[in-house]
C-alpha atoms as a PDB file:
ATOM      1  CA  UNK A   1       0.166  -0.028   0.126  1.00  0.00           C
ATOM      2  CA  UNK A   2       1.510   3.361  -0.777  1.00  0.00           C
ATOM      3  CA  UNK A   3       1.751   6.287   1.668  1.00  0.00           C
ATOM      4  CA  UNK A   4       1.447   9.958   2.137  1.00  0.00           C
ATOM      5  CA  UNK A   5       4.646  10.986   3.656  1.00  0.00           C
ATOM      6  CA  UNK A   6       5.407  14.141   5.128  1.00  0.00           C
ATOM      7  CA  UNK A   7       9.216  13.731   5.655  1.00  0.00           C
ATOM      8  CA  UNK A   8       9.494  16.824   7.855  1.00  0.00           C
ATOM      9  CA  UNK A   9       7.013  15.490  10.229  1.00  0.00           C
ATOM     10  CA  UNK A  10       7.727  11.611   9.601  1.00  0.00           C
ATOM     11  CA  UNK A  11       4.124  11.290   9.164  1.00  0.00           C
ATOM     12  CA  UNK A  12       3.022   8.175   7.201  1.00  0.00           C
ATOM     13  CA  UNK A  13      -0.625   7.742   6.423  1.00  0.00           C
ATOM     14  CA  UNK A  14      -1.878   5.131   4.370  1.00  0.00           C
ATOM     15  CA  UNK A  15      -4.096   5.699   1.500  1.00  0.00           C
ATOM     16  CA  UNK A  16      -7.041   4.721   3.773  1.00  0.00           C
ATOM     17  CA  UNK A  17      -5.880   6.865   6.445  1.00  0.00           C
ATOM     18  CA  UNK A  18      -5.695   9.612   4.496  1.00  0.00           C
ATOM     19  CA  UNK A  19      -9.103   8.990   2.826  1.00  0.00           C
ATOM     20  CA  UNK A  20     -10.773   8.858   6.243  1.00  0.00           C
ATOM     21  CA  UNK A  21      -8.982  11.609   7.783  1.00  0.00           C
ATOM     22  CA  UNK A  22     -10.349  13.790   4.729  1.00  0.00           C
ATOM     23  CA  UNK A  23     -13.912  12.496   5.265  1.00  0.00           C
ATOM     24  CA  UNK A  24     -13.726  13.743   8.893  1.00  0.00           C
ATOM     25  CA  UNK A  25     -12.261  17.128   7.814  1.00  0.00           C
ATOM     26  CA  UNK A  26     -15.283  17.673   5.635  1.00  0.00           C
ATOM     27  CA  UNK A  27     -17.503  16.801   8.773  1.00  0.00           C
ATOM     28  CA  UNK A  28     -18.917  13.451   8.366  1.00  0.00           C
ATOM     29  CA  UNK A  29     -19.441  11.229  11.434  1.00  0.00           C
ATOM     30  CA  UNK A  30     -18.024   7.652  11.417  1.00  0.00           C
ATOM     31  CA  UNK A  31     -21.424   6.155  10.252  1.00  0.00           C
ATOM     32  CA  UNK A  32     -21.484   8.309   7.169  1.00  0.00           C
ATOM     33  CA  UNK A  33     -17.873   7.647   6.461  1.00  0.00           C
ATOM     34  CA  UNK A  34     -18.462   3.952   6.708  1.00  0.00           C
ATOM     35  CA  UNK A  35     -21.519   4.340   4.319  1.00  0.00           C
ATOM     36  CA  UNK A  36     -19.455   6.785   1.879  1.00  0.00           C
ATOM     37  CA  UNK A  37     -16.571   4.397   1.736  1.00  0.00           C
ATOM     38  CA  UNK A  38     -18.247   1.023   2.038  1.00  0.00           C
ATOM     39  CA  UNK A  39     -16.636   0.134   5.444  1.00  0.00           C
ATOM     40  CA  UNK A  40     -17.797  -1.063   8.882  1.00  0.00           C
ATOM     41  CA  UNK A  41     -17.987   1.419  11.707  1.00  0.00           C
ATOM     42  CA  UNK A  42     -15.160  -0.821  13.287  1.00  0.00           C
ATOM     43  CA  UNK A  43     -12.749  -0.375  10.369  1.00  0.00           C
ATOM     44  CA  UNK A  44     -13.560   3.629  10.364  1.00  0.00           C
ATOM     45  CA  UNK A  45     -12.678   3.448  13.835  1.00  0.00           C
ATOM     46  CA  UNK A  46      -9.513   1.434  13.603  1.00  0.00           C
ATOM     47  CA  UNK A  47      -8.291   3.517  10.984  1.00  0.00           C
ATOM     48  CA  UNK A  48      -8.865   6.916  12.996  1.00  0.00           C
ATOM     49  CA  UNK A  49      -6.924   5.838  15.943  1.00  0.00           C
ATOM     50  CA  UNK A  50      -4.056   4.587  13.742  1.00  0.00           C
ATOM     51  CA  UNK A  51      -4.320   8.286  12.470  1.00  0.00           C
ATOM     52  CA  UNK A  52      -4.641   9.730  15.882  1.00  0.00           C
ATOM     53  CA  UNK A  53      -1.610   7.872  17.070  1.00  0.00           C
ATOM     54  CA  UNK A  54       0.453   8.706  13.951  1.00  0.00           C
ATOM     55  CA  UNK A  55      -0.320  12.415  14.688  1.00  0.00           C
ATOM     56  CA  UNK A  56       0.296  12.123  18.377  1.00  0.00           C
ATOM     57  CA  UNK A  57      -3.579  13.524  18.922  1.00  0.00           C
ATOM     58  CA  UNK A  58      -6.421  11.877  21.025  1.00  0.00           C
ATOM     59  CA  UNK A  59      -9.565  13.686  19.179  1.00  0.00           C
ATOM     60  CA  UNK A  60     -11.037  14.493  15.944  1.00  0.00           C
ATOM     61  CA  UNK A  61     -10.760  18.027  15.883  1.00  0.00           C
ATOM     62  CA  UNK A  62      -7.177  18.162  17.167  1.00  0.00           C
ATOM     63  CA  UNK A  63      -6.435  15.392  14.208  1.00  0.00           C
ATOM     64  CA  UNK A  64      -7.694  17.863  11.449  1.00  0.00           C
ATOM     65  CA  UNK A  65      -5.887  20.726  13.074  1.00  0.00           C
ATOM     66  CA  UNK A  66      -2.668  19.343  13.121  1.00  0.00           C
ATOM     67  CA  UNK A  67      -3.278  17.593   9.712  1.00  0.00           C
ATOM     68  CA  UNK A  68      -3.979  20.873   8.239  1.00  0.00           C
ATOM     69  CA  UNK A  69      -0.867  22.696  10.133  1.00  0.00           C
ATOM     70  CA  UNK A  70       1.308  19.897   9.064  1.00  0.00           C
ATOM     71  CA  UNK A  71       0.392  20.262   5.682  1.00  0.00           C
ATOM     72  CA  UNK A  72      -1.184  16.767   5.213  1.00  0.00           C
ATOM     73  CA  UNK A  73      -4.611  18.567   4.713  1.00  0.00           C
ATOM     74  CA  UNK A  74      -5.029  21.682   2.967  1.00  0.00           C
ATOM     75  CA  UNK A  75      -6.197  24.745   4.792  1.00  0.00           C
ATOM     76  CA  UNK A  76      -9.863  25.133   3.928  1.00  0.00           C
ATOM     77  CA  UNK A  77      -9.415  28.753   5.195  1.00  0.00           C
ATOM     78  CA  UNK A  78      -9.215  32.106   3.268  1.00  0.00           C
ATOM     79  CA  UNK A  79      -5.232  32.903   2.688  1.00  0.00           C
ATOM     80  CA  UNK A  80      -5.348  36.009   5.020  1.00  0.00           C
ATOM     81  CA  UNK A  81      -6.283  33.652   8.023  1.00  0.00           C
ATOM     82  CA  UNK A  82      -3.066  32.639  10.153  1.00  0.00           C
ATOM     83  CA  UNK A  83      -2.365  29.178  11.032  1.00  0.00           C
ATOM     84  CA  UNK A  84      -2.648  28.136  14.709  1.00  0.00           C
ATOM     85  CA  UNK A  85      -0.186  30.096  16.970  1.00  0.00           C
ATOM     86  CA  UNK A  86       2.344  28.794  19.472  1.00  0.00           C
ATOM     87  CA  UNK A  87       0.312  29.226  22.304  1.00  0.00           C
ATOM     88  CA  UNK A  88      -2.441  27.025  21.026  1.00  0.00           C
ATOM     89  CA  UNK A  89      -0.510  24.319  19.815  1.00  0.00           C
ATOM     90  CA  UNK A  90       2.873  24.740  21.648  1.00  0.00           C
ATOM     91  CA  UNK A  91       4.074  21.153  21.031  1.00  0.00           C
ATOM     92  CA  UNK A  92       4.188  21.740  17.222  1.00  0.00           C
ATOM     93  CA  UNK A  93       6.785  24.469  17.224  1.00  0.00           C
END
């Protein structure tokens, strides 16, 4: 299986982890993701837990924010909005 590599941070997400992370970033629930990707809920949860571990987070919101900050996901914000600051995520700096 190929991986999405972010060499600067050493994060390696599988294609499926990236796909599920992208669906989470769009606001879909685990149930919706499982239906959209034809996976069981258990499989979606397993991939999410693996993604959380790889990104060093423990919840969906932080996972998406960290993925955007690390360049794994594109920022959905207008270009004039600044990235999260040091005081919000000191471990990223």
